[in-house]
């Protein structure tokens, strides 16, 4: 199973939309993915170390080096295939590169 950490400012709306969209689309593409949604301010090195992919709305400066692949997932929120498809394609590329 690939674990994805989705994050937004409040951890309530956008990150949950990203979480749901990532899980659904990756499942449709044949991948076993679990995503969690959190507030960006709560992300720390210990938390991020438990995930395979970080999917924030945009790449933040967390004050530490992010040790896992980062895929900016903000375009998913527009719900337009032309904008979300490249994000899903990048997620799939990263998933394929992870040996699990």
C-alpha atoms as a PDB file:
ATOM      1  CA  UNK A   1       0.000   0.000   0.000  1.00  0.00           C
ATOM      2  CA  UNK A   2       1.201   3.488  -0.902  1.00  0.00           C
ATOM      3  CA  UNK A   3       0.545   6.124   1.756  1.00  0.00           C
ATOM      4  CA  UNK A   4      -0.098   9.712   0.671  1.00  0.00           C
ATOM      5  CA  UNK A   5      -0.195  12.741   2.959  1.00  0.00           C
ATOM      6  CA  UNK A   6      -2.448  15.533   1.670  1.00  0.00           C
ATOM      7  CA  UNK A   7      -2.176  18.940   3.346  1.00  0.00           C
ATOM      8  CA  UNK A   8      -3.855  22.324   3.162  1.00  0.00           C
ATOM      9  CA  UNK A   9      -4.097  25.409   5.328  1.00  0.00           C
ATOM     10  CA  UNK A  10      -6.956  24.290   7.556  1.00  0.00           C
ATOM     11  CA  UNK A  11      -6.837  20.528   6.980  1.00  0.00           C
ATOM     12  CA  UNK A  12     -10.593  20.506   6.601  1.00  0.00           C
ATOM     13  CA  UNK A  13     -11.755  21.027   3.048  1.00  0.00           C
ATOM     14  CA  UNK A  14      -9.128  21.122   0.308  1.00  0.00           C
ATOM     15  CA  UNK A  15      -6.914  18.397   1.738  1.00  0.00           C
ATOM     16  CA  UNK A  16      -9.934  16.109   2.102  1.00  0.00           C
ATOM     17  CA  UNK A  17     -10.933  16.770  -1.512  1.00  0.00           C
ATOM     18  CA  UNK A  18      -7.384  15.919  -2.587  1.00  0.00           C
ATOM     19  CA  UNK A  19      -7.395  12.802  -0.386  1.00  0.00           C
ATOM     20  CA  UNK A  20     -10.675  11.529  -1.843  1.00  0.00           C
ATOM     21  CA  UNK A  21      -9.697  12.320  -5.444  1.00  0.00           C
ATOM     22  CA  UNK A  22      -6.262  10.687  -5.122  1.00  0.00           C
ATOM     23  CA  UNK A  23      -7.668   7.536  -3.546  1.00  0.00           C
ATOM     24  CA  UNK A  24     -10.409   7.217  -6.172  1.00  0.00           C
ATOM     25  CA  UNK A  25      -8.258   7.951  -9.216  1.00  0.00           C
ATOM     26  CA  UNK A  26      -5.345   5.784  -8.143  1.00  0.00           C
ATOM     27  CA  UNK A  27      -7.731   2.950  -7.270  1.00  0.00           C
ATOM     28  CA  UNK A  28      -9.228   3.322 -10.780  1.00  0.00           C
ATOM     29  CA  UNK A  29      -5.684   3.030 -12.153  1.00  0.00           C
ATOM     30  CA  UNK A  30      -5.128  -0.169 -10.194  1.00  0.00           C
ATOM     31  CA  UNK A  31      -3.068   1.065  -7.232  1.00  0.00           C
ATOM     32  CA  UNK A  32      -3.580   0.408  -3.536  1.00  0.00           C
ATOM     33  CA  UNK A  33      -3.374   3.925  -2.080  1.00  0.00           C
ATOM     34  CA  UNK A  34      -4.394   5.322   1.284  1.00  0.00           C
ATOM     35  CA  UNK A  35      -4.358   9.080   1.803  1.00  0.00           C
ATOM     36  CA  UNK A  36      -4.650  11.135   4.955  1.00  0.00           C
ATOM     37  CA  UNK A  37      -5.557  14.830   5.193  1.00  0.00           C
ATOM     38  CA  UNK A  38      -3.942  17.232   7.648  1.00  0.00           C
ATOM     39  CA  UNK A  39      -3.295  20.899   8.372  1.00  0.00           C
ATOM     40  CA  UNK A  40      -0.028  22.065   6.855  1.00  0.00           C
ATOM     41  CA  UNK A  41       1.067  23.541  10.190  1.00  0.00           C
ATOM     42  CA  UNK A  42       0.916  20.072  11.760  1.00  0.00           C
ATOM     43  CA  UNK A  43       3.305  18.480   9.256  1.00  0.00           C
ATOM     44  CA  UNK A  44       6.654  17.651  10.831  1.00  0.00           C
ATOM     45  CA  UNK A  45       9.565  15.345  10.014  1.00  0.00           C
ATOM     46  CA  UNK A  46       8.239  12.512  12.148  1.00  0.00           C
ATOM     47  CA  UNK A  47       4.791  12.652  10.522  1.00  0.00           C
ATOM     48  CA  UNK A  48       6.081  12.873   6.969  1.00  0.00           C
ATOM     49  CA  UNK A  49       8.438   9.936   7.524  1.00  0.00           C
ATOM     50  CA  UNK A  50       5.391   7.647   7.768  1.00  0.00           C
ATOM     51  CA  UNK A  51       4.271   8.411   4.192  1.00  0.00           C
ATOM     52  CA  UNK A  52       5.471   7.615   0.690  1.00  0.00           C
ATOM     53  CA  UNK A  53       4.224  10.769  -1.065  1.00  0.00           C
ATOM     54  CA  UNK A  54       3.455  14.305   0.120  1.00  0.00           C
ATOM     55  CA  UNK A  55       0.576  15.962  -1.791  1.00  0.00           C
ATOM     56  CA  UNK A  56       0.094  19.531  -0.553  1.00  0.00           C
ATOM     57  CA  UNK A  57      -1.912  22.190  -2.381  1.00  0.00           C
ATOM     58  CA  UNK A  58       1.441  23.843  -3.118  1.00  0.00           C
ATOM     59  CA  UNK A  59       4.930  23.062  -1.888  1.00  0.00           C
ATOM     60  CA  UNK A  60       5.430  24.764   1.453  1.00  0.00           C
ATOM     61  CA  UNK A  61       8.589  25.734   3.291  1.00  0.00           C
ATOM     62  CA  UNK A  62       8.305  23.470   6.302  1.00  0.00           C
ATOM     63  CA  UNK A  63      11.669  24.413   7.740  1.00  0.00           C
ATOM     64  CA  UNK A  64      13.145  20.957   7.018  1.00  0.00           C
ATOM     65  CA  UNK A  65      14.017  18.923   3.948  1.00  0.00           C
ATOM     66  CA  UNK A  66      11.141  16.768   2.750  1.00  0.00           C
ATOM     67  CA  UNK A  67      12.539  13.262   2.365  1.00  0.00           C
ATOM     68  CA  UNK A  68       9.728  11.824   0.222  1.00  0.00           C
ATOM     69  CA  UNK A  69       8.465  12.775  -3.251  1.00  0.00           C
ATOM     70  CA  UNK A  70       6.287  15.900  -3.345  1.00  0.00           C
ATOM     71  CA  UNK A  71       3.462  16.209  -5.872  1.00  0.00           C
ATOM     72  CA  UNK A  72       1.668  19.556  -5.798  1.00  0.00           C
ATOM     73  CA  UNK A  73      -1.996  18.561  -5.862  1.00  0.00           C
ATOM     74  CA  UNK A  74      -3.752  21.937  -5.933  1.00  0.00           C
ATOM     75  CA  UNK A  75      -4.938  21.590  -9.561  1.00  0.00           C
ATOM     76  CA  UNK A  76      -7.079  18.605  -8.516  1.00  0.00           C
ATOM     77  CA  UNK A  77      -9.392  21.073  -6.764  1.00  0.00           C
ATOM     78  CA  UNK A  78     -10.463  22.639 -10.071  1.00  0.00           C
ATOM     79  CA  UNK A  79     -12.112  19.331 -11.043  1.00  0.00           C
ATOM     80  CA  UNK A  80     -11.104  19.861 -14.650  1.00  0.00           C
ATOM     81  CA  UNK A  81      -9.461  16.872 -16.333  1.00  0.00           C
ATOM     82  CA  UNK A  82      -7.052  19.111 -18.235  1.00  0.00           C
ATOM     83  CA  UNK A  83      -5.713  20.402 -14.912  1.00  0.00           C
ATOM     84  CA  UNK A  84      -6.021  17.332 -12.699  1.00  0.00           C
ATOM     85  CA  UNK A  85      -4.806  14.683 -15.160  1.00  0.00           C
ATOM     86  CA  UNK A  86      -1.162  15.863 -15.036  1.00  0.00           C
ATOM     87  CA  UNK A  87      -1.253  15.656 -11.223  1.00  0.00           C
ATOM     88  CA  UNK A  88      -2.654  12.127 -11.314  1.00  0.00           C
ATOM     89  CA  UNK A  89      -0.107  11.165 -13.982  1.00  0.00           C
ATOM     90  CA  UNK A  90       2.721  12.495 -11.788  1.00  0.00           C
ATOM     91  CA  UNK A  91       1.351  10.589  -8.785  1.00  0.00           C
ATOM     92  CA  UNK A  92       1.246   7.413 -10.866  1.00  0.00           C
ATOM     93  CA  UNK A  93       4.818   7.991 -12.044  1.00  0.00           C
ATOM     94  CA  UNK A  94       5.974   8.391  -8.435  1.00  0.00           C
ATOM     95  CA  UNK A  95       4.011   5.324  -7.322  1.00  0.00           C
ATOM     96  CA  UNK A  96       5.652   3.247 -10.056  1.00  0.00           C
ATOM     97  CA  UNK A  97       9.073   4.422  -8.893  1.00  0.00           C
ATOM     98  CA  UNK A  98       8.420   3.308  -5.304  1.00  0.00           C
ATOM     99  CA  UNK A  99       9.266  -0.313  -4.754  1.00  0.00           C
ATOM    100  CA  UNK A 100       6.589  -1.696  -2.455  1.00  0.00           C
END
